[in-house]
Amino acid sequence: VQLRESGGGLVPDGGFLRLSCAASGSTFNVYIMSWFRQAPGKEREYLAGINRSGTWTNYADSVKGRFTISRDNAKGTVILQMNMLKPEDTAVYYCAGGLSTTPTYWGQGTQVTVSS
């Protein structure tokens, strides 16, 4: 499966963004989907995950209450709604998917920059 993120950009402190990840090339609803991010000089960080049916979600403490993951299996997309963004949220954001909770497939990433 190929994954492609979109929706990144530059926003002010306290702003919001909606990231989208479009999947192609395989049956989307078999995959557990996740979002990660990586800031310069830091390790890749898990942010959120969603199961195949969208009935279960999981969040890292750093984004819980601010970010929401969702999916539309008919459209083959997974969304990360990001609210109350902070400068420390600045990073490249990646969509990932796999048949287990360990992702196999990765997108190329989209840059999110939050200005202070």
Protein backbone atom coordinates (compact mmCIF):
# COMPACT_ATOMS: atom_id res chain seq x y z
CA VAL A 1 0.00 0.00 0.00
CA GLN A 2 1.15 3.53 -0.74
CA LEU A 3 0.49 6.29 1.78
CA ARG A 4 0.53 10.00 1.08
CA GLU A 5 0.13 12.73 3.68
CA SER A 6 -1.20 16.21 3.08
CA GLY A 7 -2.38 19.18 5.09
CA GLY A 8 0.81 20.32 6.76
CA GLY A 9 1.81 23.96 6.96
CA LEU A 10 2.67 26.93 9.14
CA VAL A 11 0.28 27.90 11.93
CA PRO A 12 0.50 30.18 14.97
CA ASP A 13 0.72 28.98 18.55
CA GLY A 14 -2.77 27.80 19.54
CA GLY A 15 -3.82 27.15 15.96
CA PHE A 16 -5.08 24.02 14.32
CA LEU A 17 -4.40 21.80 11.31
CA ARG A 18 -6.04 18.78 9.76
CA LEU A 19 -3.68 16.22 8.31
CA SER A 20 -4.92 13.67 5.82
CA CYS A 21 -3.36 10.43 4.68
CA ALA A 22 -4.58 8.80 1.50
CA ALA A 23 -3.91 5.11 0.91
CA SER A 24 -3.77 3.38 -2.44
CA GLY A 25 -2.74 0.07 -3.89
CA SER A 26 -4.33 -2.28 -1.41
CA THR A 27 -7.41 -2.91 0.70
CA PHE A 28 -7.31 -0.11 3.23
CA ASN A 29 -9.56 -1.53 5.89
CA VAL A 30 -7.21 -4.40 6.73
CA TYR A 31 -4.63 -2.02 8.13
CA ILE A 32 -4.16 -0.61 11.57
CA MET A 33 -3.22 3.03 11.00
CA SER A 34 -1.07 5.38 13.03
CA TRP A 35 0.46 8.82 13.03
CA PHE A 36 4.03 9.57 14.08
CA ARG A 37 6.21 12.66 14.04
CA GLN A 38 9.89 13.45 14.08
CA ALA A 39 11.38 16.76 15.09
CA PRO A 40 14.94 17.76 14.11
CA GLY A 41 17.47 16.01 16.30
CA LYS A 42 14.83 13.90 18.03
CA GLU A 43 13.64 10.33 17.73
CA ARG A 44 10.46 9.46 15.92
CA GLU A 45 7.48 9.74 18.26
CA TYR A 46 4.24 7.77 18.18
CA LEU A 47 1.19 10.03 18.36
CA ALA A 48 -2.00 8.10 17.74
CA GLY A 49 -3.39 4.84 16.41
CA ILE A 50 -6.74 3.55 15.18
CA ASN A 51 -7.98 0.02 14.60
CA ARG A 52 -9.42 -1.34 11.38
CA SER A 53 -13.02 -0.44 12.09
CA GLY A 54 -12.29 2.88 13.75
CA THR A 55 -13.86 1.77 17.02
CA TRP A 56 -10.64 1.95 19.04
CA THR A 57 -8.14 4.78 19.25
CA ASN A 58 -5.01 5.39 21.27
CA TYR A 59 -3.01 8.54 21.94
CA ALA A 60 0.35 9.52 23.32
CA ASP A 61 0.16 11.61 26.46
CA SER A 62 1.80 14.52 24.64
CA VAL A 63 -1.20 14.93 22.32
CA LYS A 64 -4.10 13.45 24.28
CA GLY A 65 -7.01 15.89 24.40
CA ARG A 66 -5.62 18.00 21.54
CA PHE A 67 -5.33 15.57 18.62
CA THR A 68 -7.98 13.25 17.20
CA ILE A 69 -7.42 10.35 14.81
CA SER A 70 -10.18 9.06 12.57
CA ARG A 71 -10.55 7.04 9.38
CA ASP A 72 -12.87 6.65 6.44
CA ASN A 73 -12.48 3.16 5.01
CA ALA A 74 -14.70 3.92 2.04
CA LYS A 75 -12.37 6.72 1.00
CA GLY A 76 -9.16 5.03 2.14
CA THR A 77 -8.12 7.93 4.32
CA VAL A 78 -6.98 8.52 7.88
CA ILE A 79 -7.20 11.95 9.45
CA LEU A 80 -5.31 13.62 12.28
CA GLN A 81 -7.13 16.67 13.58
CA MET A 82 -4.69 18.77 15.57
CA ASN A 83 -5.98 21.52 17.85
CA MET A 84 -4.29 23.85 20.32
CA LEU A 85 -0.98 23.45 18.54
CA LYS A 86 2.21 24.42 20.33
CA PRO A 87 5.67 25.31 19.03
CA GLU A 88 6.92 21.98 20.36
CA ASP A 89 4.55 20.24 17.95
CA THR A 90 6.77 21.39 15.09
CA ALA A 91 7.94 18.29 13.24
CA VAL A 92 7.52 16.18 10.14
CA TYR A 93 4.35 14.13 10.53
CA TYR A 94 4.09 10.63 9.12
CA CYS A 95 1.20 8.35 8.41
CA ALA A 96 1.88 4.63 8.89
CA GLY A 97 -0.02 1.39 8.54
CA GLY A 98 0.31 -2.33 8.97
CA LEU A 99 -1.45 -5.59 9.68
CA SER A 100 -0.32 -5.32 13.29
CA THR A 101 0.40 -2.45 15.63
CA THR A 102 3.93 -2.33 14.21
CA PRO A 103 3.69 -0.32 10.99
CA THR A 104 4.93 -1.79 7.76
CA TYR A 105 4.10 1.05 5.42
CA TRP A 106 5.06 4.71 5.75
CA GLY A 107 4.23 7.90 3.97
CA GLN A 108 6.84 10.47 2.99
CA GLY A 109 5.75 12.93 5.64
CA THR A 110 4.34 16.42 5.80
CA GLN A 111 5.92 19.37 7.61
CA VAL A 112 4.05 21.06 10.43
CA THR A 113 5.51 24.28 11.83
CA VAL A 114 3.98 26.10 14.78
CA SER A 115 5.24 29.62 15.29
CA SER A 116 5.55 31.16 18.74
